[in-house]
Amino acid sequence: MAKEKNLIYVVDDDANIRNLVSVALKDAGFETMEFDNGLSLLDQTQKKLPALIILDWMMPDLDGLAVCGRLKLKPETRKIPVIMVTAKTDSVDCILGLEMGADDYLKKPFDMKELVTRVSAVIRRKDYSNIKDEVLTIGNLTLNLGSRIAVKKDPATGAETFLQLTMKEFDLLVTLIRKKGNVMTRPEIMRDVWSDEFDGDDRTVDVHVRYLRKKIEDSEAHPFYVKTVRGMGYRIVTQAEIDNLESNAKVKVEDSAVSK
């Protein structure tokens, strides 16, 4: 099913907000389709895919968080960018929305020009049309960018485990790997994984790093892949570090064999 490049789905149970958002987007050259509930939106995505979805969090019956979760579970809709809109102000709520796969977050009341700017920025970042099956590998981790599948291999048995990464966890890991061991500050991570316009804080990055480590590391207390650089930010382990570790392990095995 092809994606309509200029089509934005606007989901909010408040008709006035839907109308204001639609007018602002149409003035910016987008087409819109409005929905007053999440179920109607989910039904429409089976017929036509939009370029982006603006999704209100607090709606009756099925809230925006649940809708976002369902969208990200299905292969045909998981790559559609989602901007969550809500009256919630707690940063924990913001992090929860991003963890469910939202690409950005706007707190009500918001400026319509800011909304349009964020919509344009997210669409630019999330243009998946040209993504091929590029594969990134670091240590025992392999990521396929086209299918967005992450696999961890057991070096002892060769068995592979599919990692259940969220959209943001996957993007975070890809971003760190592409930096080839260079340190990324938290603002740099926010810019590359979210967007320049995203109004988040350092907690957002730290929480996502913590969740990512739970899924890719053998030990959260002693992370191997994602390193913390105090006072600066985070980096991925380098290939030189991996080679050195493997070399030391091999020497220990050989020394043990000789001593026997």
C-alpha atoms as a PDB file:
ATOM      1  CA  MET A   1       0.000   0.000   0.000  1.00  0.00           C
ATOM      2  CA  ALA A   2       1.528   3.302  -1.135  1.00  0.00           C
ATOM      3  CA  LYS A   3       1.936   6.240   1.227  1.00  0.00           C
ATOM      4  CA  GLU A   4       0.315   9.581   0.323  1.00  0.00           C
ATOM      5  CA  LYS A   5       3.231  12.036   0.596  1.00  0.00           C
ATOM      6  CA  ASN A   6       1.191  15.148   1.527  1.00  0.00           C
ATOM      7  CA  LEU A   7      -1.650  13.510   3.446  1.00  0.00           C
ATOM      8  CA  ILE A   8      -1.860  14.105   7.213  1.00  0.00           C
ATOM      9  CA  TYR A   9      -4.356  12.318   9.465  1.00  0.00           C
ATOM     10  CA  VAL A  10      -5.572  14.517  12.329  1.00  0.00           C
ATOM     11  CA  VAL A  11      -7.073  12.639  15.287  1.00  0.00           C
ATOM     12  CA  ASP A  12      -8.736  14.534  18.143  1.00  0.00           C
ATOM     13  CA  ASP A  13     -12.138  14.265  19.834  1.00  0.00           C
ATOM     14  CA  ASP A  14     -12.308  18.082  19.933  1.00  0.00           C
ATOM     15  CA  ALA A  15     -13.752  19.322  16.625  1.00  0.00           C
ATOM     16  CA  ASN A  16     -12.391  22.859  17.109  1.00  0.00           C
ATOM     17  CA  ILE A  17      -8.824  21.615  17.509  1.00  0.00           C
ATOM     18  CA  ARG A  18      -9.162  19.312  14.499  1.00  0.00           C
ATOM     19  CA  ASN A  19     -10.390  22.204  12.395  1.00  0.00           C
ATOM     20  CA  LEU A  20      -7.621  24.609  13.484  1.00  0.00           C
ATOM     21  CA  VAL A  21      -4.903  22.000  12.852  1.00  0.00           C
ATOM     22  CA  SER A  22      -6.350  21.089   9.448  1.00  0.00           C
ATOM     23  CA  VAL A  23      -6.556  24.708   8.320  1.00  0.00           C
ATOM     24  CA  ALA A  24      -2.935  25.358   9.350  1.00  0.00           C
ATOM     25  CA  LEU A  25      -1.720  22.247   7.530  1.00  0.00           C
ATOM     26  CA  LYS A  26      -3.709  22.996   4.385  1.00  0.00           C
ATOM     27  CA  ASP A  27      -2.290  26.531   4.325  1.00  0.00           C
ATOM     28  CA  ALA A  28       1.167  24.893   4.376  1.00  0.00           C
ATOM     29  CA  GLY A  29       0.332  22.738   1.356  1.00  0.00           C
ATOM     30  CA  PHE A  30      -0.740  19.500   3.050  1.00  0.00           C
ATOM     31  CA  GLU A  31      -3.940  17.515   2.596  1.00  0.00           C
ATOM     32  CA  THR A  32      -5.755  16.377   5.727  1.00  0.00           C
ATOM     33  CA  MET A  33      -8.320  13.851   6.852  1.00  0.00           C
ATOM     34  CA  GLU A  34      -9.941  14.250  10.278  1.00  0.00           C
ATOM     35  CA  PHE A  35     -10.997  11.617  12.823  1.00  0.00           C
ATOM     36  CA  ASP A  36     -12.731  12.031  16.171  1.00  0.00           C
ATOM     37  CA  ASN A  37     -11.631   8.648  17.561  1.00  0.00           C
ATOM     38  CA  GLY A  38      -8.787   6.159  17.331  1.00  0.00           C
ATOM     39  CA  LEU A  39     -10.771   3.238  15.932  1.00  0.00           C
ATOM     40  CA  SER A  40     -11.829   5.206  12.853  1.00  0.00           C
ATOM     41  CA  LEU A  41      -8.203   6.139  12.255  1.00  0.00           C
ATOM     42  CA  LEU A  42      -7.015   2.530  12.549  1.00  0.00           C
ATOM     43  CA  ASP A  43      -9.688   1.451  10.096  1.00  0.00           C
ATOM     44  CA  GLN A  44      -8.659   4.128   7.573  1.00  0.00           C
ATOM     45  CA  THR A  45      -4.974   3.141   7.727  1.00  0.00           C
ATOM     46  CA  GLN A  46      -5.999  -0.215   6.259  1.00  0.00           C
ATOM     47  CA  LYS A  47      -7.231   1.650   3.184  1.00  0.00           C
ATOM     48  CA  LYS A  48      -4.713   4.464   2.718  1.00  0.00           C
ATOM     49  CA  LEU A  49      -1.438   5.356   4.459  1.00  0.00           C
ATOM     50  CA  PRO A  50      -0.723   8.995   5.354  1.00  0.00           C
ATOM     51  CA  ALA A  51       2.638  10.736   5.447  1.00  0.00           C
ATOM     52  CA  LEU A  52       2.116  11.440   9.161  1.00  0.00           C
ATOM     53  CA  ILE A  53      -0.471  11.203  11.953  1.00  0.00           C
ATOM     54  CA  ILE A  54      -1.211  13.937  14.499  1.00  0.00           C
ATOM     55  CA  LEU A  55      -2.680  12.031  17.428  1.00  0.00           C
ATOM     56  CA  ASP A  56      -4.382  13.373  20.546  1.00  0.00           C
ATOM     57  CA  TRP A  57      -3.504  11.445  23.694  1.00  0.00           C
ATOM     58  CA  MET A  58      -6.618  11.916  25.826  1.00  0.00           C
ATOM     59  CA  MET A  59      -9.594  10.497  23.924  1.00  0.00           C
ATOM     60  CA  PRO A  60     -12.539   8.387  25.098  1.00  0.00           C
ATOM     61  CA  ASP A  61     -12.708   4.616  24.473  1.00  0.00           C
ATOM     62  CA  LEU A  62      -9.243   4.181  22.934  1.00  0.00           C
ATOM     63  CA  ASP A  63      -6.653   6.772  23.961  1.00  0.00           C
ATOM     64  CA  GLY A  64      -3.832   8.014  21.768  1.00  0.00           C
ATOM     65  CA  LEU A  65      -1.184   5.953  23.529  1.00  0.00           C
ATOM     66  CA  ALA A  66      -3.064   2.732  22.779  1.00  0.00           C
ATOM     67  CA  VAL A  67      -3.629   3.809  19.177  1.00  0.00           C
ATOM     68  CA  CYS A  68       0.069   4.577  18.736  1.00  0.00           C
ATOM     69  CA  GLY A  69       0.960   1.165  20.158  1.00  0.00           C
ATOM     70  CA  ARG A  70      -1.327  -0.604  17.687  1.00  0.00           C
ATOM     71  CA  LEU A  71       0.092   1.360  14.769  1.00  0.00           C
ATOM     72  CA  LYS A  72       3.650   0.400  15.700  1.00  0.00           C
ATOM     73  CA  LEU A  73       2.790  -3.285  16.029  1.00  0.00           C
ATOM     74  CA  LYS A  74       1.679  -3.704  12.410  1.00  0.00           C
ATOM     75  CA  PRO A  75       4.310  -3.894   9.632  1.00  0.00           C
ATOM     76  CA  GLU A  76       2.196  -1.819   7.237  1.00  0.00           C
ATOM     77  CA  THR A  77       1.696   1.080   9.677  1.00  0.00           C
ATOM     78  CA  ARG A  78       4.693   0.972  12.042  1.00  0.00           C
ATOM     79  CA  LYS A  79       6.772   3.339   9.897  1.00  0.00           C
ATOM     80  CA  ILE A  80       4.136   6.078   9.787  1.00  0.00           C
ATOM     81  CA  PRO A  81       5.480   9.025  11.839  1.00  0.00           C
ATOM     82  CA  VAL A  82       3.275  10.023  14.800  1.00  0.00           C
ATOM     83  CA  ILE A  83       3.192  13.355  16.637  1.00  0.00           C
ATOM     84  CA  MET A  84       1.403  13.059  19.976  1.00  0.00           C
ATOM     85  CA  VAL A  85      -0.620  16.063  21.148  1.00  0.00           C
ATOM     86  CA  THR A  86      -1.802  16.301  24.739  1.00  0.00           C
ATOM     87  CA  ALA A  87      -2.632  18.511  27.695  1.00  0.00           C
ATOM     88  CA  LYS A  88      -0.425  16.327  29.904  1.00  0.00           C
ATOM     89  CA  THR A  89       2.595  18.250  31.158  1.00  0.00           C
ATOM     90  CA  ASP A  90       4.609  15.690  33.147  1.00  0.00           C
ATOM     91  CA  SER A  91       7.901  14.777  31.437  1.00  0.00           C
ATOM     92  CA  VAL A  92       7.293  11.142  32.444  1.00  0.00           C
ATOM     93  CA  ASP A  93       4.195  11.165  30.214  1.00  0.00           C
ATOM     94  CA  CYS A  94       6.294  12.607  27.403  1.00  0.00           C
ATOM     95  CA  ILE A  95       8.837   9.799  27.757  1.00  0.00           C
ATOM     96  CA  LEU A  96       6.063   7.193  27.851  1.00  0.00           C
ATOM     97  CA  GLY A  97       4.604   8.501  24.604  1.00  0.00           C
ATOM     98  CA  LEU A  98       8.013   8.411  22.914  1.00  0.00           C
ATOM     99  CA  GLU A  99       8.655   4.921  24.256  1.00  0.00           C
ATOM    100  CA  MET A 100       5.473   3.731  22.557  1.00  0.00           C
ATOM    101  CA  GLY A 101       6.939   4.887  19.251  1.00  0.00           C
ATOM    102  CA  ALA A 102       5.781   8.490  18.883  1.00  0.00           C
ATOM    103  CA  ASP A 103       8.239  10.597  16.878  1.00  0.00           C
ATOM    104  CA  ASP A 104       7.503  13.904  18.568  1.00  0.00           C
ATOM    105  CA  TYR A 105       5.355  15.394  21.301  1.00  0.00           C
ATOM    106  CA  LEU A 106       3.442  18.693  21.536  1.00  0.00           C
ATOM    107  CA  LYS A 107       1.840  20.054  24.687  1.00  0.00           C
ATOM    108  CA  LYS A 108      -1.462  21.932  24.495  1.00  0.00           C
ATOM    109  CA  PRO A 109      -1.901  24.787  23.907  1.00  0.00           C
ATOM    110  CA  PHE A 110       0.547  24.972  21.019  1.00  0.00           C
ATOM    111  CA  ASP A 111       1.324  27.422  18.252  1.00  0.00           C
ATOM    112  CA  MET A 112       0.094  26.317  14.817  1.00  0.00           C
ATOM    113  CA  LYS A 113       3.274  27.520  13.126  1.00  0.00           C
ATOM    114  CA  GLU A 114       5.290  25.344  15.494  1.00  0.00           C
ATOM    115  CA  LEU A 115       3.063  22.377  14.669  1.00  0.00           C
ATOM    116  CA  VAL A 116       3.589  22.820  10.924  1.00  0.00           C
ATOM    117  CA  THR A 117       7.356  23.165  11.448  1.00  0.00           C
ATOM    118  CA  ARG A 118       7.488  19.947  13.437  1.00  0.00           C
ATOM    119  CA  VAL A 119       5.336  18.088  10.911  1.00  0.00           C
ATOM    120  CA  SER A 120       7.717  19.083   8.102  1.00  0.00           C
ATOM    121  CA  ALA A 121      10.790  18.156  10.161  1.00  0.00           C
ATOM    122  CA  VAL A 122       9.462  14.717  11.144  1.00  0.00           C
ATOM    123  CA  ILE A 123       8.426  13.883   7.579  1.00  0.00           C
ATOM    124  CA  ARG A 124      11.910  14.805   6.334  1.00  0.00           C
ATOM    125  CA  ARG A 125      13.530  12.578   8.935  1.00  0.00           C
ATOM    126  CA  LYS A 126      11.120   9.702   8.461  1.00  0.00           C
ATOM    127  CA  ASP A 127      11.147   9.386   4.687  1.00  0.00           C
ATOM    128  CA  TYR A 128      11.526   5.610   4.524  1.00  0.00           C
ATOM    129  CA  SER A 129      10.855   5.355   0.791  1.00  0.00           C
ATOM    130  CA  ASN A 130      14.548   5.017  -0.105  1.00  0.00           C
ATOM    131  CA  ILE A 131      15.635   2.726   2.729  1.00  0.00           C
ATOM    132  CA  LYS A 132      17.271  -0.453   1.457  1.00  0.00           C
ATOM    133  CA  ASP A 133      18.146  -3.563   3.431  1.00  0.00           C
ATOM    134  CA  GLU A 134      21.304  -1.968   4.809  1.00  0.00           C
ATOM    135  CA  VAL A 135      22.828  -4.062   7.561  1.00  0.00           C
ATOM    136  CA  LEU A 136      24.831  -2.705  10.510  1.00  0.00           C
ATOM    137  CA  THR A 137      26.857  -5.023  12.725  1.00  0.00           C
ATOM    138  CA  ILE A 138      28.676  -4.403  15.992  1.00  0.00           C
ATOM    139  CA  GLY A 139      29.913  -7.320  18.084  1.00  0.00           C
ATOM    140  CA  ASN A 140      27.140  -9.907  18.254  1.00  0.00           C
ATOM    141  CA  LEU A 141      24.434  -7.408  17.254  1.00  0.00           C
ATOM    142  CA  THR A 142      23.062  -7.159  13.706  1.00  0.00           C
ATOM    143  CA  LEU A 143      20.518  -4.560  12.569  1.00  0.00           C
ATOM    144  CA  ASN A 144      18.647  -4.611   9.252  1.00  0.00           C
ATOM    145  CA  LEU A 145      17.542  -1.045   8.521  1.00  0.00           C
ATOM    146  CA  GLY A 146      15.024  -1.972   5.844  1.00  0.00           C
ATOM    147  CA  SER A 147      13.069  -4.462   7.950  1.00  0.00           C
ATOM    148  CA  ARG A 148      14.055  -2.756  11.234  1.00  0.00           C
ATOM    149  CA  ILE A 149      14.968  -6.124  12.702  1.00  0.00           C
ATOM    150  CA  ALA A 150      17.633  -6.404  15.415  1.00  0.00           C
ATOM    151  CA  VAL A 151      19.266  -9.744  16.215  1.00  0.00           C
ATOM    152  CA  LYS A 152      21.708 -10.781  18.943  1.00  0.00           C
ATOM    153  CA  LYS A 153      23.882 -13.851  18.385  1.00  0.00           C
ATOM    154  CA  ASP A 154      25.085 -16.133  21.167  1.00  0.00           C
ATOM    155  CA  PRO A 155      28.840 -16.555  20.478  1.00  0.00           C
ATOM    156  CA  ALA A 156      28.938 -19.896  22.268  1.00  0.00           C
ATOM    157  CA  THR A 157      26.047 -21.633  20.493  1.00  0.00           C
ATOM    158  CA  GLY A 158      25.503 -19.469  17.425  1.00  0.00           C
ATOM    159  CA  ALA A 159      21.815 -19.158  18.335  1.00  0.00           C
ATOM    160  CA  GLU A 160      20.137 -15.888  17.315  1.00  0.00           C
ATOM    161  CA  THR A 161      17.615 -13.947  19.388  1.00  0.00           C
ATOM    162  CA  PHE A 162      15.340 -11.337  17.834  1.00  0.00           C
ATOM    163  CA  LEU A 163      15.388  -8.208  19.995  1.00  0.00           C
ATOM    164  CA  GLN A 164      12.052  -6.512  20.662  1.00  0.00           C
ATOM    165  CA  LEU A 165      13.235  -2.917  20.277  1.00  0.00           C
ATOM    166  CA  THR A 166      10.851   0.013  20.128  1.00  0.00           C
ATOM    167  CA  MET A 167      11.119   2.473  17.230  1.00  0.00           C
ATOM    168  CA  LYS A 168      13.152   4.905  19.307  1.00  0.00           C
ATOM    169  CA  GLU A 169      15.421   2.231  20.782  1.00  0.00           C
ATOM    170  CA  PHE A 170      16.187   0.998  17.268  1.00  0.00           C
ATOM    171  CA  ASP A 171      16.886   4.539  15.999  1.00  0.00           C
ATOM    172  CA  LEU A 172      19.067   5.266  19.034  1.00  0.00           C
ATOM    173  CA  LEU A 173      21.177   2.159  18.473  1.00  0.00           C
ATOM    174  CA  VAL A 174      21.566   2.902  14.751  1.00  0.00           C
ATOM    175  CA  THR A 175      22.627   6.483  15.519  1.00  0.00           C
ATOM    176  CA  LEU A 176      25.301   5.378  17.999  1.00  0.00           C
ATOM    177  CA  ILE A 177      26.644   2.675  15.653  1.00  0.00           C
ATOM    178  CA  ARG A 178      26.931   5.141  12.783  1.00  0.00           C
ATOM    179  CA  LYS A 179      29.119   7.367  14.984  1.00  0.00           C
ATOM    180  CA  LYS A 180      31.694   4.530  15.137  1.00  0.00           C
ATOM    181  CA  GLY A 181      32.588   4.942  18.796  1.00  0.00           C
ATOM    182  CA  ASN A 182      32.625   8.735  18.886  1.00  0.00           C
ATOM    183  CA  VAL A 183      30.961  10.331  21.895  1.00  0.00           C
ATOM    184  CA  MET A 184      27.514  11.822  21.342  1.00  0.00           C
ATOM    185  CA  THR A 185      26.191  14.416  23.751  1.00  0.00           C
ATOM    186  CA  ARG A 186      22.591  14.195  24.877  1.00  0.00           C
ATOM    187  CA  PRO A 187      21.547  17.222  22.765  1.00  0.00           C
ATOM    188  CA  GLU A 188      23.165  15.586  19.720  1.00  0.00           C
ATOM    189  CA  ILE A 189      21.257  12.390  20.358  1.00  0.00           C
ATOM    190  CA  MET A 190      18.015  14.346  20.772  1.00  0.00           C
ATOM    191  CA  ARG A 191      18.659  16.100  17.458  1.00  0.00           C
ATOM    192  CA  ASP A 192      19.473  12.933  15.499  1.00  0.00           C
ATOM    193  CA  VAL A 193      16.977  10.499  17.022  1.00  0.00           C
ATOM    194  CA  TRP A 194      14.099  12.928  17.528  1.00  0.00           C
ATOM    195  CA  SER A 195      14.398  16.330  15.874  1.00  0.00           C
ATOM    196  CA  ASP A 196      15.862  19.793  16.244  1.00  0.00           C
ATOM    197  CA  GLU A 197      12.456  21.097  17.261  1.00  0.00           C
ATOM    198  CA  PHE A 198      11.695  18.435  19.889  1.00  0.00           C
ATOM    199  CA  ASP A 199      11.221  19.980  23.317  1.00  0.00           C
ATOM    200  CA  GLY A 200      12.666  17.192  25.447  1.00  0.00           C
ATOM    201  CA  ASP A 201      15.292  16.991  28.172  1.00  0.00           C
ATOM    202  CA  ASP A 202      18.256  14.837  29.185  1.00  0.00           C
ATOM    203  CA  ARG A 203      15.977  12.427  31.023  1.00  0.00           C
ATOM    204  CA  THR A 204      14.445  11.349  27.732  1.00  0.00           C
ATOM    205  CA  VAL A 205      17.821  10.190  26.409  1.00  0.00           C
ATOM    206  CA  ASP A 206      18.871   8.566  29.690  1.00  0.00           C
ATOM    207  CA  VAL A 207      15.613   6.623  29.998  1.00  0.00           C
ATOM    208  CA  HIS A 208      15.861   5.312  26.441  1.00  0.00           C
ATOM    209  CA  VAL A 209      19.500   4.295  26.949  1.00  0.00           C
ATOM    210  CA  ARG A 210      18.492   2.419  30.084  1.00  0.00           C
ATOM    211  CA  TYR A 211      15.677   0.579  28.281  1.00  0.00           C
ATOM    212  CA  LEU A 212      17.976  -0.210  25.340  1.00  0.00           C
ATOM    213  CA  ARG A 213      20.623  -1.668  27.640  1.00  0.00           C
ATOM    214  CA  LYS A 214      18.072  -3.993  29.220  1.00  0.00           C
ATOM    215  CA  LYS A 215      17.527  -5.568  25.817  1.00  0.00           C
ATOM    216  CA  ILE A 216      21.009  -5.699  24.277  1.00  0.00           C
ATOM    217  CA  GLU A 217      23.435  -6.054  27.184  1.00  0.00           C
ATOM    218  CA  ASP A 218      24.366  -9.229  29.050  1.00  0.00           C
ATOM    219  CA  SER A 219      24.688  -7.128  32.209  1.00  0.00           C
ATOM    220  CA  GLU A 220      22.989  -3.776  32.826  1.00  0.00           C
ATOM    221  CA  ALA A 221      25.435  -3.073  35.672  1.00  0.00           C
ATOM    222  CA  HIS A 222      28.415  -3.546  33.349  1.00  0.00           C
ATOM    223  CA  PRO A 223      27.243  -2.528  29.858  1.00  0.00           C
ATOM    224  CA  PHE A 224      29.445  -3.674  26.995  1.00  0.00           C
ATOM    225  CA  TYR A 225      27.848  -2.037  23.954  1.00  0.00           C
ATOM    226  CA  VAL A 226      26.614   1.387  25.080  1.00  0.00           C
ATOM    227  CA  LYS A 227      29.255   3.224  27.106  1.00  0.00           C
ATOM    228  CA  THR A 228      28.584   6.193  29.381  1.00  0.00           C
ATOM    229  CA  VAL A 229      31.127   8.999  29.068  1.00  0.00           C
ATOM    230  CA  ARG A 230      30.802  10.997  32.277  1.00  0.00           C
ATOM    231  CA  GLY A 231      30.015  14.650  31.825  1.00  0.00           C
ATOM    232  CA  MET A 232      29.520  14.214  28.088  1.00  0.00           C
ATOM    233  CA  GLY A 233      27.075  11.561  26.906  1.00  0.00           C
ATOM    234  CA  TYR A 234      27.199   8.115  25.323  1.00  0.00           C
ATOM    235  CA  ARG A 235      29.099   6.151  22.697  1.00  0.00           C
ATOM    236  CA  ILE A 236      28.984   2.675  21.182  1.00  0.00           C
ATOM    237  CA  VAL A 237      31.814   0.217  21.802  1.00  0.00           C
ATOM    238  CA  THR A 238      34.521   0.364  19.121  1.00  0.00           C
ATOM    239  CA  GLN A 239      35.641  -2.554  16.976  1.00  0.00           C
ATOM    240  CA  ALA A 240      39.141  -2.165  18.439  1.00  0.00           C
ATOM    241  CA  GLU A 241      37.714  -2.718  21.941  1.00  0.00           C
ATOM    242  CA  ILE A 242      35.866  -5.803  20.746  1.00  0.00           C
ATOM    243  CA  ASP A 243      38.970  -7.200  19.028  1.00  0.00           C
ATOM    244  CA  ASN A 244      41.072  -6.536  22.133  1.00  0.00           C
ATOM    245  CA  LEU A 245      38.568  -8.287  24.381  1.00  0.00           C
ATOM    246  CA  GLU A 246      38.390 -11.309  22.069  1.00  0.00           C
ATOM    247  CA  SER A 247      42.190 -11.438  21.864  1.00  0.00           C
ATOM    248  CA  ASN A 248      42.551 -11.366  25.651  1.00  0.00           C
ATOM    249  CA  ALA A 249      39.930 -14.073  26.028  1.00  0.00           C
ATOM    250  CA  LYS A 250      41.785 -16.249  23.513  1.00  0.00           C
ATOM    251  CA  VAL A 251      45.075 -15.792  25.382  1.00  0.00           C
ATOM    252  CA  LYS A 252      43.461 -16.768  28.675  1.00  0.00           C
ATOM    253  CA  VAL A 253      42.062 -19.925  27.111  1.00  0.00           C
ATOM    254  CA  GLU A 254      45.463 -20.827  25.653  1.00  0.00           C
ATOM    255  CA  ASP A 255      47.251 -20.108  28.976  1.00  0.00           C
ATOM    256  CA  SER A 256      44.713 -22.269  30.788  1.00  0.00           C
ATOM    257  CA  ALA A 257      45.279 -25.129  28.354  1.00  0.00           C
ATOM    258  CA  VAL A 258      49.084 -24.885  28.764  1.00  0.00           C
ATOM    259  CA  SER A 259      48.889 -24.872  32.586  1.00  0.00           C
ATOM    260  CA  LYS A 260      47.006 -28.149  32.513  1.00  0.00           C
END
